[in-house]
Amino acid sequence: MIEFLLERFARQAGDEAVVWNDSSYTYGWLIDRIREWQRTITQSAIATGSVVAIEADFSPSSVALFLALIERRCVLVPLTSSVETKKTEFQEIAQIEVSVQIDAADQTTIVTRNVSASHPYYQSLREAGHPGLVLFSSGSTGKSKAAVHDLISLLEKFKVVRHKRRTIPFLLFDHIGGVNTMLYSLSNGGCLITVRERSPDRVLRAVEQHRADLLPASPTFLNLVLLSEAYKRHTIATLQTITYGTEPMPESTLKRFHELFPGITLLQTYGLSEVGILRSKSKSSNSLWVKVGGEGFSTRVVDGILQIKAQSAMLGYLNASNPFTADGWFNTGDSVEVDGEYIKILGRKSEIITVGGEKVYPAEVESVIQEVRGVAEVTVYGEVNLIMGHLVCAKIRLVDGLDVDRGAFLHRLKLHCRERMQAFKVPTRLRLEDGEQYSARFKKMRNIDA
């Protein structure tokens, strides 16, 4: 299953594979740790085809366990502390049979649960002799769904040798982007530079100290970097590329980041738990237009919504109906504009606010509001209105410690919106709130209890 990876690891046994707690672990060490895990898996009677939760973040042991369980042809269910409140629910949905817990000190506890995983997708993986992967969606706009993948399909693209990078796996261990980052880095002889805390200062410190050249991130995190000014406290000259995805990027955030760091390539990525990560190419570092696809992926736009057909597509959901069309296309739910080979992601169709028959995309309004000095975060949403259909509303968090007359600030903000947008897009209701508006995955939370 992972022979091609082990062969590459052996050829560069002395090179850095993982940096954890500022200590370096080589590919030779990783091979030995995978073998240790294989012995532990056998001694613990974890059978081929077992559904195994890995409760961990990125660490030398969790990376080695992930690969050892693939070789054992198990079904892997990574779970991080970000889903702690949902862990019991996720364990039941995924029918977890064994849970391997790896703590902050990289110490391990193995718990066997009195469960027999019998879902038809698991049965099909066992019959094929293939390892599987279960990933839960963030649930930022609704209930979390459990996507089941055949890992053989997901691993296929990593057999092609690409660029060797020193990467910070910012996206979490239980996120499709985090899994993609890990497998890309290891399959190309790169180095995973792990961070315990995903704060701007801790991440940029890791960039400086360990010479990271690639940082996958979310637009929300890049906005926090700008607000914190952590870049003034750390030298990040080695950073060549920042990739961003998981949610729409506010154009104002992208523009400001590019102006501050013109030497860093900003690349928009696109992927989903259901289909994997597509190859992408931004029109430029300050452009939201992006070309997506690559080998194994086909795209089309139907009624303004992006659809994807992928060789690496999931088998289906454990807890929801089949989302694919009869001919195998996945409806992403993302509204897009098209310009030749490029698309511009406007936002989720489910988030569109209809005002008097006109469509308003929250990300566009949020981008304009974030241009106003003193705004830390903003979330735009719609409230039902009997006359207009919906009203555009916004809740805003101000920069910490900002001393301002709130009434005067909101008046100034509304004037700014009127100057920059059509009248139907201007928020009717503005609320100032103190709470952070992003999740543990550094993604904007759009469930508004208004």
Protein backbone atom coordinates (compact mmCIF):
# COMPACT_ATOMS: atom_id res chain seq x y z
CA MET A 1 0.00 0.00 0.00
CA ILE A 2 2.72 2.48 0.99
CA GLU A 3 5.69 0.74 -0.63
CA PHE A 4 6.39 3.71 -2.90
CA LEU A 5 6.57 5.99 0.15
CA LEU A 6 8.85 3.67 2.12
CA GLU A 7 11.21 3.37 -0.86
CA ARG A 8 11.48 7.16 -1.05
CA PHE A 9 11.98 7.43 2.71
CA ALA A 10 14.83 4.89 2.54
CA ARG A 11 16.63 6.86 -0.19
CA GLN A 12 16.80 9.94 2.04
CA ALA A 13 16.97 8.32 5.48
CA GLY A 14 19.14 11.09 6.91
CA ASP A 15 16.92 13.99 5.79
CA GLU A 16 14.46 15.80 8.05
CA ALA A 17 10.92 14.42 7.79
CA VAL A 18 9.21 16.05 10.78
CA VAL A 19 10.03 18.89 13.16
CA TRP A 20 8.07 18.58 16.40
CA ASN A 21 8.60 20.62 19.58
CA ASP A 22 11.63 22.12 17.82
CA SER A 23 13.26 18.66 17.56
CA SER A 24 14.09 17.01 14.25
CA TYR A 25 13.04 13.50 13.17
CA THR A 26 14.53 11.94 10.06
CA TYR A 27 13.03 9.71 7.40
CA GLY A 28 15.11 6.87 8.84
CA TRP A 29 13.48 7.47 12.23
CA LEU A 30 10.06 7.55 10.56
CA ILE A 31 10.66 4.15 8.91
CA ASP A 32 11.62 2.67 12.29
CA ARG A 33 8.56 4.22 13.99
CA ILE A 34 6.25 2.82 11.29
CA ARG A 35 7.72 -0.65 11.96
CA GLU A 36 7.19 -0.20 15.70
CA TRP A 37 3.59 0.75 15.09
CA GLN A 38 3.11 -2.30 12.88
CA ARG A 39 4.26 -4.51 15.76
CA THR A 40 1.99 -2.67 18.20
CA ILE A 41 -0.98 -3.00 15.85
CA THR A 42 -0.41 -6.76 15.65
CA GLN A 43 0.06 -7.13 19.43
CA SER A 44 -3.10 -5.10 20.05
CA ALA A 45 -5.08 -7.43 17.76
CA ILE A 46 -6.17 -4.58 15.47
CA ALA A 47 -7.42 -6.60 12.54
CA THR A 48 -7.27 -5.72 8.87
CA GLY A 49 -10.32 -3.64 7.99
CA SER A 50 -10.83 -2.32 11.54
CA VAL A 51 -12.20 1.20 11.93
CA VAL A 52 -9.56 3.04 13.95
CA ALA A 53 -9.76 6.57 15.30
CA ILE A 54 -6.49 8.51 15.57
CA GLU A 55 -7.09 11.13 18.25
CA ALA A 56 -4.10 13.40 17.70
CA ASP A 57 -2.60 16.40 16.01
CA PHE A 58 0.44 16.24 13.75
CA SER A 59 3.38 14.64 15.56
CA PRO A 60 6.08 12.11 14.66
CA SER A 61 4.04 9.24 16.14
CA SER A 62 0.71 10.26 14.63
CA VAL A 63 2.24 10.53 11.15
CA ALA A 64 3.88 7.10 11.50
CA LEU A 65 0.63 5.59 12.85
CA PHE A 66 -1.36 7.01 9.95
CA LEU A 67 0.95 5.27 7.49
CA ALA A 68 1.12 2.01 9.48
CA LEU A 69 -2.68 1.78 9.56
CA ILE A 70 -2.81 2.29 5.79
CA GLU A 71 -0.42 -0.64 5.39
CA ARG A 72 -2.69 -2.67 7.73
CA ARG A 73 -5.60 -1.79 5.42
CA CYS A 74 -7.63 -0.28 8.23
CA VAL A 75 -10.21 2.49 7.97
CA LEU A 76 -8.69 5.62 9.52
CA VAL A 77 -10.75 8.27 11.32
CA PRO A 78 -8.53 11.18 12.40
CA LEU A 79 -10.03 13.32 15.19
CA THR A 80 -8.41 16.42 16.66
CA SER A 81 -9.20 18.44 19.78
CA SER A 82 -11.12 20.89 17.57
CA VAL A 83 -14.02 18.40 17.53
CA GLU A 84 -13.84 17.45 21.23
CA THR A 85 -17.46 18.49 21.86
CA LYS A 86 -18.63 16.28 18.99
CA LYS A 87 -16.30 13.34 19.62
CA THR A 88 -18.94 11.01 21.06
CA GLU A 89 -21.28 11.78 18.15
CA PHE A 90 -18.50 11.21 15.61
CA GLN A 91 -17.46 7.93 17.25
CA GLU A 92 -21.01 6.64 16.91
CA ILE A 93 -21.44 7.79 13.31
CA ALA A 94 -18.10 6.30 12.24
CA GLN A 95 -18.66 3.10 14.25
CA ILE A 96 -15.20 3.38 15.82
CA GLU A 97 -13.86 -0.04 16.89
CA VAL A 98 -10.46 1.05 18.22
CA SER A 99 -9.31 4.47 19.38
CA VAL A 100 -5.62 5.38 19.50
CA GLN A 101 -5.03 8.52 21.55
CA ILE A 102 -1.72 10.38 21.18
CA ASP A 103 -1.30 13.20 23.70
CA ALA A 104 0.73 16.40 23.62
CA ALA A 105 3.80 14.49 24.86
CA ASP A 106 3.42 11.97 22.00
CA GLN A 107 2.42 9.26 24.49
CA THR A 108 -0.09 6.65 23.33
CA THR A 109 -3.22 5.04 24.75
CA ILE A 110 -5.12 2.34 22.82
CA VAL A 111 -8.78 1.75 23.67
CA THR A 112 -10.79 -1.09 22.16
CA ARG A 113 -14.51 -0.32 21.94
CA ASN A 114 -17.31 -2.87 22.00
CA VAL A 115 -18.46 -1.94 18.51
CA SER A 116 -18.70 -3.83 15.23
CA ALA A 117 -18.45 -1.56 12.19
CA SER A 118 -20.81 -2.91 9.56
CA HIS A 119 -21.59 -0.02 7.23
CA PRO A 120 -21.78 -1.14 3.56
CA TYR A 121 -18.94 1.21 2.60
CA TYR A 122 -16.70 -0.48 5.14
CA GLN A 123 -17.71 -3.88 3.81
CA SER A 124 -16.81 -2.87 0.26
CA LEU A 125 -13.37 -1.64 1.40
CA ARG A 126 -12.72 -4.91 3.24
CA GLU A 127 -13.79 -6.97 0.23
CA ALA A 128 -11.40 -4.97 -1.98
CA GLY A 129 -8.62 -5.22 0.61
CA HIS A 130 -8.23 -1.43 0.60
CA PRO A 131 -7.59 1.02 3.44
CA GLY A 132 -10.16 3.75 4.02
CA LEU A 133 -10.37 7.27 5.41
CA VAL A 134 -13.31 8.98 7.11
CA LEU A 135 -13.34 12.77 7.25
CA PHE A 136 -16.00 14.88 8.94
CA SER A 137 -16.97 18.22 7.43
CA SER A 138 -16.57 21.28 9.65
CA GLY A 139 -20.32 21.77 9.97
CA SER A 140 -19.83 25.56 9.79
CA THR A 141 -23.05 25.90 7.80
CA GLY A 142 -24.95 22.85 9.05
CA LYS A 143 -24.60 19.30 10.37
CA SER A 144 -21.23 17.58 9.99
CA LYS A 145 -21.18 14.85 7.35
CA ALA A 146 -18.85 11.84 7.38
CA ALA A 147 -17.21 11.25 4.00
CA VAL A 148 -15.74 7.78 3.37
CA HIS A 149 -12.75 7.50 1.01
CA ASP A 150 -10.89 4.61 -0.54
CA LEU A 151 -7.32 5.60 0.38
CA ILE A 152 -5.90 3.81 -2.64
CA SER A 153 -7.59 6.43 -4.85
CA LEU A 154 -6.39 9.31 -2.67
CA LEU A 155 -2.79 8.03 -2.63
CA GLU A 156 -2.54 7.68 -6.39
CA LYS A 157 -1.68 11.32 -7.13
CA PHE A 158 1.21 11.27 -4.65
CA LYS A 159 3.09 8.74 -6.77
CA VAL A 160 4.03 11.61 -9.09
CA VAL A 161 7.18 13.31 -7.79
CA ARG A 162 6.81 17.07 -7.37
CA HIS A 163 8.56 19.86 -5.44
CA LYS A 164 10.34 19.30 -2.12
CA ARG A 165 9.07 21.84 0.41
CA ARG A 166 9.49 22.75 4.08
CA THR A 167 5.86 23.05 5.08
CA ILE A 168 3.84 24.01 8.14
CA PRO A 169 0.76 21.75 8.29
CA PHE A 170 -1.57 24.52 9.44
CA LEU A 171 -4.75 22.79 8.30
CA LEU A 172 -5.66 20.17 10.87
CA PHE A 173 -4.86 16.45 10.97
CA ASP A 174 -8.56 15.62 10.47
CA HIS A 175 -9.05 18.01 7.53
CA ILE A 176 -8.71 17.01 3.87
CA GLY A 177 -6.26 19.88 3.45
CA GLY A 178 -4.15 18.70 6.37
CA VAL A 179 -4.04 15.12 5.09
CA ASN A 180 -3.12 16.41 1.63
CA THR A 181 -0.33 18.58 3.08
CA MET A 182 1.12 15.64 5.02
CA LEU A 183 1.09 13.21 2.10
CA TYR A 184 2.42 15.80 -0.37
CA SER A 185 5.30 16.74 1.92
CA LEU A 186 6.35 13.18 2.74
CA SER A 187 5.95 11.82 -0.78
CA ASN A 188 8.31 14.50 -2.07
CA GLY A 189 10.97 14.26 0.62
CA GLY A 190 9.94 17.49 2.29
CA CYS A 191 9.75 18.42 5.96
CA LEU A 192 6.61 18.86 8.08
CA ILE A 193 7.19 21.64 10.61
CA THR A 194 4.50 21.11 13.22
CA VAL A 195 3.11 23.77 15.56
CA ARG A 196 1.30 23.14 18.84
CA GLU A 197 -0.61 26.40 18.71
CA ARG A 198 -1.91 27.89 15.48
CA SER A 199 -1.64 31.52 16.53
CA PRO A 200 -0.02 34.10 14.21
CA ASP A 201 3.01 34.48 16.48
CA ARG A 202 3.59 30.75 16.96
CA VAL A 203 3.20 29.98 13.26
CA LEU A 204 5.47 32.81 12.07
CA ARG A 205 8.01 31.91 14.75
CA ALA A 206 8.10 28.39 13.30
CA VAL A 207 8.56 29.82 9.80
CA GLU A 208 11.54 31.84 11.03
CA GLN A 209 13.15 29.22 13.24
CA HIS A 210 12.81 26.24 10.89
CA ARG A 211 13.05 28.01 7.52
CA ALA A 212 9.59 27.06 6.25
CA ASP A 213 8.97 27.98 2.62
CA LEU A 214 5.31 26.88 2.29
CA LEU A 215 2.35 27.79 4.51
CA PRO A 216 -1.13 26.48 3.72
CA ALA A 217 -3.65 28.63 5.60
CA SER A 218 -7.19 29.97 5.65
CA PRO A 219 -8.27 33.52 4.77
CA THR A 220 -9.41 33.94 8.38
CA PHE A 221 -5.91 33.13 9.65
CA LEU A 222 -4.25 35.51 7.16
CA ASN A 223 -6.56 38.27 8.38
CA LEU A 224 -5.45 37.49 11.96
CA VAL A 225 -1.81 37.75 10.86
CA LEU A 226 -2.53 41.24 9.52
CA LEU A 227 -4.40 42.29 12.67
CA SER A 228 -1.76 40.94 15.05
CA GLU A 229 1.17 42.37 13.06
CA ALA A 230 3.08 39.22 14.03
CA TYR A 231 5.09 39.65 10.83
CA LYS A 232 6.82 42.61 12.49
CA ARG A 233 8.09 40.37 15.29
CA HIS A 234 9.41 37.52 13.13
CA THR A 235 11.57 37.28 10.04
CA ILE A 236 9.76 35.24 7.38
CA ALA A 237 12.16 35.74 4.48
CA THR A 238 12.25 31.99 3.69
CA LEU A 239 8.51 31.88 3.04
CA GLN A 240 8.01 31.54 -0.71
CA THR A 241 4.38 30.48 -1.02
CA ILE A 242 1.18 30.84 0.97
CA THR A 243 -1.78 28.81 -0.19
CA TYR A 244 -5.27 29.68 0.98
CA GLY A 245 -8.63 27.98 0.77
CA THR A 246 -11.45 26.41 2.87
CA GLU A 247 -13.60 29.57 2.54
CA PRO A 248 -13.91 32.64 0.25
CA MET A 249 -11.03 35.10 0.50
CA PRO A 250 -12.07 38.74 1.09
CA GLU A 251 -10.55 40.73 -1.76
CA SER A 252 -9.49 43.47 0.67
CA THR A 253 -7.52 40.96 2.76
CA LEU A 254 -5.81 39.51 -0.30
CA LYS A 255 -4.88 42.97 -1.61
CA ARG A 256 -3.42 44.12 1.70
CA PHE A 257 -1.45 40.92 2.23
CA HIS A 258 0.00 41.07 -1.27
CA GLU A 259 1.00 44.73 -0.80
CA LEU A 260 2.82 43.85 2.43
CA PHE A 261 4.54 40.76 0.99
CA PRO A 262 4.96 41.18 -2.77
CA GLY A 263 7.71 38.53 -2.81
CA ILE A 264 5.42 35.79 -1.49
CA THR A 265 3.35 33.91 -4.05
CA LEU A 266 -0.28 33.74 -2.93
CA LEU A 267 -2.02 30.72 -4.42
CA GLN A 268 -5.70 29.95 -4.05
CA THR A 269 -6.43 26.25 -3.58
CA TYR A 270 -9.68 24.36 -3.87
CA GLY A 271 -10.74 21.09 -2.38
CA LEU A 272 -13.53 19.35 -0.54
CA SER A 273 -13.77 16.44 1.88
CA GLU A 274 -15.88 14.69 -0.73
CA VAL A 275 -13.49 14.84 -3.71
CA GLY A 276 -10.01 15.70 -2.45
CA ILE A 277 -7.73 18.63 -3.33
CA LEU A 278 -7.59 19.81 -6.95
CA ARG A 279 -4.48 21.29 -8.55
CA SER A 280 -4.87 25.04 -8.94
CA LYS A 281 -3.30 28.10 -10.51
CA SER A 282 -4.20 31.66 -9.51
CA LYS A 283 -4.24 34.26 -12.29
CA SER A 284 -1.89 36.30 -10.06
CA SER A 285 -1.06 36.70 -6.38
CA ASN A 286 -3.57 39.54 -5.97
CA SER A 287 -6.34 37.93 -8.03
CA LEU A 288 -9.28 35.82 -6.88
CA TRP A 289 -9.53 34.21 -10.32
CA VAL A 290 -8.23 30.66 -10.24
CA LYS A 291 -7.91 27.69 -12.57
CA VAL A 292 -8.72 24.35 -10.92
CA GLY A 293 -8.59 20.75 -12.09
CA GLY A 294 -5.58 18.63 -12.95
CA GLU A 295 -5.14 14.96 -13.68
CA GLY A 296 -7.99 12.90 -12.27
CA PHE A 297 -10.39 15.85 -12.01
CA SER A 298 -12.99 17.32 -14.37
CA THR A 299 -15.02 20.46 -13.69
CA ARG A 300 -18.14 22.04 -15.11
CA VAL A 301 -20.45 24.88 -14.15
CA VAL A 302 -24.19 24.22 -14.16
CA ASP A 303 -26.56 27.12 -13.43
CA GLY A 304 -23.66 29.05 -11.91
CA ILE A 305 -22.68 26.21 -9.52
CA LEU A 306 -19.35 24.38 -9.72
CA GLN A 307 -19.53 20.62 -10.18
CA ILE A 308 -16.60 18.19 -9.98
CA LYS A 309 -15.96 14.66 -11.17
CA ALA A 310 -12.93 13.08 -9.49
CA GLN A 311 -11.12 9.76 -9.53
CA SER A 312 -10.44 10.39 -5.84
CA ALA A 313 -14.08 11.08 -4.98
CA MET A 314 -15.45 9.57 -1.79
CA LEU A 315 -17.52 6.42 -1.79
CA GLY A 316 -20.28 8.35 -0.05
CA TYR A 317 -21.45 9.65 3.33
CA LEU A 318 -21.96 7.50 6.41
CA ASN A 319 -24.80 9.72 7.63
CA ALA A 320 -26.34 11.31 4.53
CA SER A 321 -27.73 10.32 1.15
CA ASN A 322 -25.66 9.97 -2.04
CA PRO A 323 -24.85 13.51 -3.28
CA PHE A 324 -23.59 12.55 -6.75
CA THR A 325 -25.50 12.97 -9.99
CA ALA A 326 -26.42 9.89 -12.00
CA ASP A 327 -23.31 10.42 -14.16
CA GLY A 328 -20.95 10.86 -11.19
CA TRP A 329 -20.64 14.64 -10.72
CA PHE A 330 -20.50 16.22 -7.26
CA ASN A 331 -22.45 19.44 -6.78
CA THR A 332 -20.15 21.60 -4.64
CA GLY A 333 -22.81 24.18 -3.82
CA ASP A 334 -20.30 26.92 -4.63
CA SER A 335 -21.50 29.77 -6.84
CA VAL A 336 -18.86 30.86 -9.34
CA GLU A 337 -18.24 33.30 -12.15
CA VAL A 338 -16.43 32.02 -15.23
CA ASP A 339 -13.80 33.77 -17.37
CA GLY A 340 -12.40 31.33 -19.90
CA GLU A 341 -10.38 28.73 -17.99
CA TYR A 342 -10.63 30.66 -14.74
CA ILE A 343 -13.35 30.78 -12.11
CA LYS A 344 -14.06 33.16 -9.25
CA ILE A 345 -15.66 31.61 -6.18
CA LEU A 346 -18.43 33.87 -4.91
CA GLY A 347 -19.62 31.81 -1.98
CA ARG A 348 -21.97 29.00 -1.03
CA LYS A 349 -25.33 29.00 -2.79
CA SER A 350 -26.94 28.35 0.59
CA GLU A 351 -25.48 31.63 1.92
CA ILE A 352 -26.80 33.90 -0.84
CA ILE A 353 -29.00 36.71 0.49
CA THR A 354 -31.87 37.66 -1.83
CA VAL A 355 -32.93 41.32 -1.51
CA GLY A 356 -35.87 42.34 -3.70
CA GLY A 357 -34.88 39.70 -6.25
CA GLU A 358 -31.19 40.75 -6.26
CA LYS A 359 -28.44 38.37 -5.09
CA VAL A 360 -26.00 39.44 -2.40
CA TYR A 361 -22.90 37.35 -1.65
CA PRO A 362 -21.76 37.75 1.97
CA ALA A 363 -18.05 37.56 1.10
CA GLU A 364 -18.30 40.63 -1.14
CA VAL A 365 -19.92 42.73 1.58
CA GLU A 366 -17.50 41.43 4.21
CA SER A 367 -14.56 42.45 2.03
CA VAL A 368 -15.84 46.04 1.83
CA ILE A 369 -16.50 46.27 5.57
CA GLN A 370 -13.02 44.93 6.35
CA GLU A 371 -11.56 47.91 4.48
CA VAL A 372 -12.67 50.10 7.38
CA ARG A 373 -9.96 50.70 9.93
CA GLY A 374 -10.78 49.18 13.30
CA VAL A 375 -12.71 46.17 11.98
CA ALA A 376 -11.21 42.89 13.19
CA GLU A 377 -13.85 40.49 11.86
CA VAL A 378 -17.21 40.68 10.16
CA THR A 379 -19.88 38.11 9.32
CA VAL A 380 -22.64 39.07 6.89
CA TYR A 381 -25.94 37.19 6.90
CA GLY A 382 -29.57 37.60 5.90
CA GLU A 383 -32.69 38.09 7.99
CA VAL A 384 -36.10 37.25 6.58
CA ASN A 385 -38.20 40.28 5.60
CA LEU A 386 -41.78 40.06 4.35
CA ILE A 387 -41.36 42.95 1.89
CA MET A 388 -37.81 42.56 0.54
CA GLY A 389 -37.36 38.82 1.01
CA HIS A 390 -34.28 39.35 3.18
CA LEU A 391 -32.38 42.15 4.85
CA VAL A 392 -28.57 42.27 4.71
CA CYS A 393 -27.16 42.25 8.22
CA ALA A 394 -23.64 42.22 9.64
CA LYS A 395 -22.12 41.47 13.00
CA ILE A 396 -18.74 43.10 13.56
CA ARG A 397 -15.93 42.56 16.03
CA LEU A 398 -13.70 45.58 16.55
CA VAL A 399 -9.94 45.45 17.02
CA ASP A 400 -9.10 44.68 20.64
CA GLY A 401 -8.56 47.80 22.73
CA LEU A 402 -10.03 50.16 20.14
CA ASP A 403 -11.40 53.26 21.87
CA VAL A 404 -14.20 54.53 19.65
CA ASP A 405 -17.69 56.01 19.81
CA ARG A 406 -19.66 53.00 18.61
CA GLY A 407 -22.54 55.00 17.19
CA ALA A 408 -20.21 57.24 15.19
CA PHE A 409 -18.22 54.20 14.03
CA LEU A 410 -21.32 52.44 12.68
CA HIS A 411 -22.44 55.62 10.90
CA ARG A 412 -19.01 55.96 9.26
CA LEU A 413 -19.05 52.28 8.29
CA LYS A 414 -22.47 52.55 6.65
CA LEU A 415 -21.33 55.61 4.66
CA HIS A 416 -18.31 53.63 3.46
CA CYS A 417 -20.55 50.78 2.31
CA ARG A 418 -22.82 53.18 0.42
CA GLU A 419 -19.81 54.59 -1.42
CA ARG A 420 -18.44 51.17 -2.36
CA MET A 421 -21.53 49.06 -3.14
CA GLN A 422 -24.94 49.13 -4.77
CA ALA A 423 -27.69 50.18 -2.38
CA PHE A 424 -29.29 46.71 -2.07
CA LYS A 425 -25.98 45.26 -0.81
CA VAL A 426 -25.51 47.79 1.98
CA PRO A 427 -26.30 46.21 5.38
CA THR A 428 -29.53 47.42 6.92
CA ARG A 429 -28.59 46.21 10.39
CA LEU A 430 -25.13 46.43 11.94
CA ARG A 431 -24.24 44.84 15.28
CA LEU A 432 -21.04 45.24 17.25
CA GLU A 433 -20.13 42.05 19.15
CA ASP A 434 -17.05 41.04 21.13
CA GLY A 435 -16.85 37.31 20.43
CA GLU A 436 -14.52 35.75 17.89
CA GLN A 437 -16.27 34.68 14.71
CA TYR A 438 -14.08 31.77 13.65
CA SER A 439 -13.88 28.10 14.62
CA ALA A 440 -10.97 26.01 15.88
CA ARG A 441 -10.29 25.26 12.21
CA PHE A 442 -9.75 29.01 11.62
CA LYS A 443 -12.80 29.14 9.40
CA LYS A 444 -15.60 31.70 9.64
CA MET A 445 -18.65 30.40 11.49
CA ARG A 446 -21.75 31.24 9.51
CA ASN A 447 -24.45 29.74 11.72
CA ILE A 448 -26.07 32.98 12.84
CA ASP A 449 -28.62 32.99 15.64
CA ALA A 450 -29.97 36.40 14.80
